[in-house]
């Protein structure tokens, strides 16, 4: 949820906070991406892990590309603060789609 926090704070960004925002985003990315990669191949036979990661990362990058294109239109119409706030709120809302059960428990 660090991604959401940093994105929501971006409209308030000023030069003195640039390093902190970059560190927060780097930390969030460094924690989230390996966890998502591991989740994508959980339970997949070793022989199919490469294919699963190809599809997963392809979808991940396609989502980034579409998000940038779509939000470019929003930024043009409403400004960057709206884009960053919407992105941060969407990250927080995505928490609702994550599994509620702990590791190893019945879903």
N, C-alpha and C. Protein backbone atom coordinates (compact mmCIF):
# COMPACT_ATOMS: atom_id res chain seq x y z
N UNK A 1 0.82 -1.19 0.00
CA UNK A 1 0.00 0.00 0.00
C UNK A 1 0.87 1.26 0.00
N UNK A 2 2.19 1.03 0.08
CA UNK A 2 3.12 2.16 0.00
C UNK A 2 3.00 2.88 -1.34
N UNK A 3 2.76 2.10 -2.41
CA UNK A 3 2.55 2.73 -3.72
C UNK A 3 1.42 3.75 -3.65
N UNK A 4 0.30 3.34 -3.08
CA UNK A 4 -0.85 4.23 -2.97
C UNK A 4 -0.56 5.47 -2.15
N UNK A 5 0.16 5.29 -1.05
CA UNK A 5 0.51 6.42 -0.19
C UNK A 5 1.38 7.42 -0.93
N UNK A 6 2.42 6.93 -1.60
CA UNK A 6 3.33 7.83 -2.32
C UNK A 6 2.59 8.52 -3.47
N UNK A 7 1.76 7.76 -4.20
CA UNK A 7 1.02 8.37 -5.31
C UNK A 7 0.05 9.44 -4.81
N UNK A 8 -0.63 9.18 -3.72
CA UNK A 8 -1.56 10.17 -3.17
C UNK A 8 -0.85 11.42 -2.67
N UNK A 9 0.38 11.27 -2.23
CA UNK A 9 1.15 12.41 -1.73
C UNK A 9 1.79 13.22 -2.86
N UNK A 10 1.86 12.67 -4.06
CA UNK A 10 2.54 13.32 -5.17
C UNK A 10 1.97 14.69 -5.52
N UNK A 11 0.65 14.91 -5.46
CA UNK A 11 0.18 16.28 -5.75
C UNK A 11 0.73 17.34 -4.79
N UNK A 12 1.17 16.92 -3.62
CA UNK A 12 1.73 17.84 -2.64
C UNK A 12 3.25 17.98 -2.76
N UNK A 13 3.81 17.30 -3.74
CA UNK A 13 5.26 17.22 -3.88
C UNK A 13 5.89 18.58 -4.14
N UNK A 14 7.00 18.80 -3.48
CA UNK A 14 7.82 19.98 -3.72
C UNK A 14 9.27 19.50 -3.75
N UNK A 15 10.19 20.29 -4.24
CA UNK A 15 11.57 19.83 -4.41
C UNK A 15 12.19 19.23 -3.15
N UNK A 16 11.87 19.74 -1.99
CA UNK A 16 12.48 19.22 -0.76
C UNK A 16 12.02 17.80 -0.43
N UNK A 17 10.90 17.36 -1.01
CA UNK A 17 10.38 16.01 -0.74
C UNK A 17 10.64 15.03 -1.87
N UNK A 18 11.33 15.48 -2.91
CA UNK A 18 11.56 14.63 -4.08
C UNK A 18 12.33 13.36 -3.74
N UNK A 19 13.37 13.47 -2.92
CA UNK A 19 14.15 12.30 -2.55
C UNK A 19 13.31 11.31 -1.75
N UNK A 20 12.52 11.81 -0.81
CA UNK A 20 11.67 10.93 0.01
C UNK A 20 10.63 10.22 -0.85
N UNK A 21 10.03 10.94 -1.79
CA UNK A 21 9.04 10.32 -2.67
C UNK A 21 9.69 9.26 -3.55
N UNK A 22 10.86 9.54 -4.08
CA UNK A 22 11.58 8.56 -4.90
C UNK A 22 11.98 7.35 -4.09
N UNK A 23 12.43 7.56 -2.87
CA UNK A 23 12.80 6.43 -2.00
C UNK A 23 11.57 5.60 -1.66
N UNK A 24 10.46 6.25 -1.38
CA UNK A 24 9.23 5.53 -1.07
C UNK A 24 8.75 4.71 -2.25
N UNK A 25 8.79 5.28 -3.45
CA UNK A 25 8.36 4.55 -4.64
C UNK A 25 9.32 3.41 -4.95
N UNK A 26 10.60 3.65 -4.78
CA UNK A 26 11.58 2.58 -5.01
C UNK A 26 11.42 1.43 -4.03
N UNK A 27 11.19 1.75 -2.77
CA UNK A 27 10.96 0.72 -1.77
C UNK A 27 9.68 -0.06 -2.07
N UNK A 28 8.62 0.64 -2.43
CA UNK A 28 7.36 -0.02 -2.77
C UNK A 28 7.54 -0.96 -3.95
N UNK A 29 8.22 -0.49 -4.97
CA UNK A 29 8.44 -1.31 -6.17
C UNK A 29 9.33 -2.50 -5.84
N UNK A 30 10.36 -2.28 -5.05
CA UNK A 30 11.27 -3.36 -4.68
C UNK A 30 10.63 -4.45 -3.84
N UNK A 31 9.60 -4.10 -3.09
CA UNK A 31 8.88 -5.10 -2.30
C UNK A 31 7.74 -5.74 -3.09
N UNK A 32 7.03 -4.95 -3.85
CA UNK A 32 5.83 -5.44 -4.53
C UNK A 32 6.14 -6.35 -5.71
N UNK A 33 7.06 -5.96 -6.57
CA UNK A 33 7.29 -6.73 -7.79
C UNK A 33 7.77 -8.15 -7.53
N UNK A 34 8.75 -8.39 -6.68
CA UNK A 34 9.13 -9.79 -6.42
C UNK A 34 8.00 -10.59 -5.79
N UNK A 35 7.19 -9.95 -4.94
CA UNK A 35 6.06 -10.65 -4.33
C UNK A 35 5.02 -11.03 -5.38
N UNK A 36 4.73 -10.12 -6.30
CA UNK A 36 3.77 -10.43 -7.37
C UNK A 36 4.31 -11.52 -8.30
N UNK A 37 5.61 -11.46 -8.60
CA UNK A 37 6.22 -12.51 -9.44
C UNK A 37 6.08 -13.87 -8.78
N UNK A 38 6.36 -13.94 -7.50
CA UNK A 38 6.26 -15.21 -6.77
C UNK A 38 4.81 -15.70 -6.73
N UNK A 39 3.89 -14.79 -6.55
CA UNK A 39 2.48 -15.15 -6.53
C UNK A 39 2.02 -15.67 -7.89
N UNK A 40 2.53 -15.09 -8.95
CA UNK A 40 2.13 -15.51 -10.30
C UNK A 40 2.52 -16.95 -10.59
N UNK A 41 3.64 -17.40 -10.07
CA UNK A 41 4.09 -18.77 -10.37
C UNK A 41 3.82 -19.76 -9.25
N UNK A 42 3.13 -19.31 -8.20
CA UNK A 42 2.82 -20.22 -7.10
C UNK A 42 1.94 -21.37 -7.60
N UNK A 43 2.39 -22.59 -7.34
CA UNK A 43 1.64 -23.77 -7.74
C UNK A 43 1.79 -24.16 -9.20
N UNK A 44 2.59 -23.42 -9.96
CA UNK A 44 2.80 -23.71 -11.38
C UNK A 44 3.96 -24.70 -11.51
N UNK A 45 3.80 -25.76 -12.32
CA UNK A 45 4.93 -26.67 -12.53
C UNK A 45 6.15 -25.92 -13.06
N UNK A 46 7.32 -26.33 -12.60
CA UNK A 46 8.57 -25.66 -12.97
C UNK A 46 8.71 -25.49 -14.48
N UNK A 47 8.29 -26.46 -15.25
CA UNK A 47 8.43 -26.41 -16.71
C UNK A 47 7.59 -25.30 -17.34
N UNK A 48 6.59 -24.80 -16.64
CA UNK A 48 5.71 -23.77 -17.18
C UNK A 48 5.94 -22.39 -16.57
N UNK A 49 6.86 -22.27 -15.64
CA UNK A 49 7.10 -20.98 -14.96
C UNK A 49 7.52 -19.88 -15.93
N UNK A 50 8.35 -20.21 -16.90
CA UNK A 50 8.80 -19.20 -17.87
C UNK A 50 7.64 -18.64 -18.68
N UNK A 51 6.75 -19.52 -19.12
CA UNK A 51 5.59 -19.07 -19.89
C UNK A 51 4.66 -18.22 -19.03
N UNK A 52 4.44 -18.66 -17.80
CA UNK A 52 3.56 -17.90 -16.90
C UNK A 52 4.15 -16.50 -16.65
N UNK A 53 5.45 -16.43 -16.41
CA UNK A 53 6.07 -15.12 -16.17
C UNK A 53 6.01 -14.24 -17.42
N UNK A 54 6.14 -14.84 -18.60
CA UNK A 54 6.03 -14.07 -19.84
C UNK A 54 4.66 -13.44 -19.96
N UNK A 55 3.62 -14.22 -19.75
CA UNK A 55 2.25 -13.69 -19.82
C UNK A 55 2.00 -12.67 -18.71
N UNK A 56 2.46 -12.98 -17.52
CA UNK A 56 2.23 -12.08 -16.39
C UNK A 56 2.90 -10.73 -16.62
N UNK A 57 4.17 -10.74 -16.98
CA UNK A 57 4.89 -9.48 -17.18
C UNK A 57 4.40 -8.74 -18.42
N UNK A 58 3.97 -9.49 -19.44
CA UNK A 58 3.38 -8.85 -20.62
C UNK A 58 2.10 -8.11 -20.25
N UNK A 59 1.25 -8.76 -19.46
CA UNK A 59 0.01 -8.12 -19.02
C UNK A 59 0.30 -6.92 -18.11
N UNK A 60 1.29 -7.08 -17.24
CA UNK A 60 1.69 -6.01 -16.33
C UNK A 60 2.12 -4.78 -17.12
N UNK A 61 2.99 -4.98 -18.12
CA UNK A 61 3.49 -3.87 -18.93
C UNK A 61 2.42 -3.29 -19.84
N UNK A 62 1.53 -4.13 -20.36
CA UNK A 62 0.42 -3.62 -21.18
C UNK A 62 -0.49 -2.74 -20.32
N UNK A 63 -0.71 -3.16 -19.07
CA UNK A 63 -1.51 -2.35 -18.17
C UNK A 63 -0.87 -1.00 -17.91
N UNK A 64 0.45 -0.98 -17.72
CA UNK A 64 1.15 0.30 -17.56
C UNK A 64 0.94 1.18 -18.78
N UNK A 65 1.12 0.62 -19.97
CA UNK A 65 1.00 1.39 -21.20
C UNK A 65 -0.40 1.97 -21.37
N UNK A 66 -1.41 1.15 -21.14
CA UNK A 66 -2.79 1.63 -21.27
C UNK A 66 -3.12 2.68 -20.22
N UNK A 67 -2.61 2.47 -19.00
CA UNK A 67 -2.85 3.43 -17.92
C UNK A 67 -2.24 4.79 -18.27
N UNK A 68 -1.03 4.78 -18.82
CA UNK A 68 -0.36 6.03 -19.19
C UNK A 68 -1.14 6.74 -20.29
N UNK A 69 -1.58 5.99 -21.29
CA UNK A 69 -2.33 6.61 -22.38
C UNK A 69 -3.66 7.19 -21.87
N UNK A 70 -4.38 6.43 -21.08
CA UNK A 70 -5.65 6.90 -20.57
C UNK A 70 -5.51 8.08 -19.64
N UNK A 71 -4.53 8.01 -18.75
CA UNK A 71 -4.37 9.10 -17.80
C UNK A 71 -3.73 10.33 -18.42
N UNK A 72 -3.10 10.16 -19.57
CA UNK A 72 -2.60 11.33 -20.29
C UNK A 72 -3.75 12.24 -20.68
N UNK A 73 -4.85 11.63 -21.10
CA UNK A 73 -6.04 12.41 -21.45
C UNK A 73 -6.63 13.10 -20.22
N UNK A 74 -6.64 12.39 -19.10
CA UNK A 74 -7.15 12.97 -17.86
C UNK A 74 -6.26 14.13 -17.41
N UNK A 75 -4.93 13.93 -17.50
CA UNK A 75 -3.99 14.99 -17.11
C UNK A 75 -4.17 16.23 -17.99
N UNK A 76 -4.39 15.99 -19.26
CA UNK A 76 -4.57 17.13 -20.17
C UNK A 76 -5.82 17.92 -19.81
N UNK A 77 -6.87 17.20 -19.43
CA UNK A 77 -8.14 17.87 -19.13
C UNK A 77 -8.20 18.45 -17.71
N UNK A 78 -7.59 17.75 -16.73
CA UNK A 78 -7.78 18.14 -15.33
C UNK A 78 -6.50 18.42 -14.56
N UNK A 79 -5.35 18.10 -15.12
CA UNK A 79 -4.09 18.37 -14.45
C UNK A 79 -3.51 17.13 -13.76
N UNK A 80 -2.23 17.19 -13.50
CA UNK A 80 -1.52 16.05 -12.90
C UNK A 80 -1.94 15.72 -11.47
N UNK A 81 -2.27 16.69 -10.63
CA UNK A 81 -2.69 16.32 -9.27
C UNK A 81 -3.88 15.35 -9.26
N UNK A 82 -4.82 15.55 -10.17
CA UNK A 82 -5.97 14.65 -10.25
C UNK A 82 -5.53 13.24 -10.65
N UNK A 83 -4.58 13.17 -11.59
CA UNK A 83 -4.08 11.87 -12.04
C UNK A 83 -3.41 11.12 -10.89
N UNK A 84 -2.53 11.79 -10.17
CA UNK A 84 -1.82 11.14 -9.07
C UNK A 84 -2.77 10.74 -7.94
N UNK A 85 -3.72 11.60 -7.63
CA UNK A 85 -4.68 11.27 -6.58
C UNK A 85 -5.54 10.08 -7.01
N UNK A 86 -6.00 10.05 -8.25
CA UNK A 86 -6.82 8.94 -8.74
C UNK A 86 -6.03 7.64 -8.74
N UNK A 87 -4.76 7.70 -9.13
CA UNK A 87 -3.93 6.51 -9.14
C UNK A 87 -3.72 5.99 -7.73
N UNK A 88 -3.42 6.86 -6.80
CA UNK A 88 -3.23 6.44 -5.42
C UNK A 88 -4.48 5.84 -4.83
N UNK A 89 -5.62 6.45 -5.11
CA UNK A 89 -6.89 5.92 -4.59
C UNK A 89 -7.22 4.57 -5.22
N UNK A 90 -6.90 4.40 -6.49
CA UNK A 90 -7.14 3.11 -7.13
C UNK A 90 -6.27 2.02 -6.52
N UNK A 91 -5.03 2.36 -6.21
CA UNK A 91 -4.15 1.39 -5.55
C UNK A 91 -4.75 0.98 -4.20
N UNK A 92 -5.22 1.95 -3.45
CA UNK A 92 -5.83 1.63 -2.15
C UNK A 92 -7.10 0.80 -2.34
N UNK A 93 -7.91 1.13 -3.34
CA UNK A 93 -9.14 0.39 -3.59
C UNK A 93 -8.85 -1.04 -4.07
N UNK A 94 -7.74 -1.22 -4.73
CA UNK A 94 -7.39 -2.57 -5.22
C UNK A 94 -7.16 -3.54 -4.07
N UNK A 95 -6.94 -3.03 -2.90
CA UNK A 95 -6.76 -3.87 -1.72
C UNK A 95 -7.99 -4.75 -1.50
N UNK A 96 -9.13 -4.29 -1.93
CA UNK A 96 -10.37 -5.06 -1.77
C UNK A 96 -10.37 -6.32 -2.63
N UNK A 97 -9.57 -6.32 -3.70
CA UNK A 97 -9.52 -7.48 -4.60
C UNK A 97 -8.52 -8.53 -4.14
N UNK A 98 -7.69 -8.21 -3.15
CA UNK A 98 -6.69 -9.16 -2.69
C UNK A 98 -7.33 -10.23 -1.80
N UNK A 99 -6.75 -11.41 -1.79
CA UNK A 99 -7.31 -12.47 -0.94
C UNK A 99 -7.34 -12.07 0.52
N UNK A 100 -8.37 -12.48 1.20
CA UNK A 100 -8.52 -12.14 2.62
C UNK A 100 -7.89 -13.17 3.54
N UNK A 101 -7.67 -14.38 3.03
CA UNK A 101 -7.13 -15.45 3.88
C UNK A 101 -5.62 -15.37 3.97
N UNK A 102 -5.07 -15.89 5.05
CA UNK A 102 -3.62 -15.95 5.23
C UNK A 102 -3.02 -17.09 4.44
N UNK A 103 -1.72 -17.15 4.40
CA UNK A 103 -1.01 -18.19 3.66
C UNK A 103 -1.35 -19.57 4.24
N UNK A 104 -1.74 -20.48 3.37
CA UNK A 104 -1.99 -21.85 3.80
C UNK A 104 -3.37 -22.11 4.37
N UNK A 105 -4.18 -21.08 4.51
CA UNK A 105 -5.52 -21.30 5.06
C UNK A 105 -6.53 -21.45 3.91
N UNK A 106 -7.65 -22.01 4.21
CA UNK A 106 -8.68 -22.20 3.18
C UNK A 106 -9.28 -20.85 2.81
N UNK A 107 -9.47 -20.65 1.52
CA UNK A 107 -10.01 -19.37 1.04
C UNK A 107 -11.51 -19.34 1.15
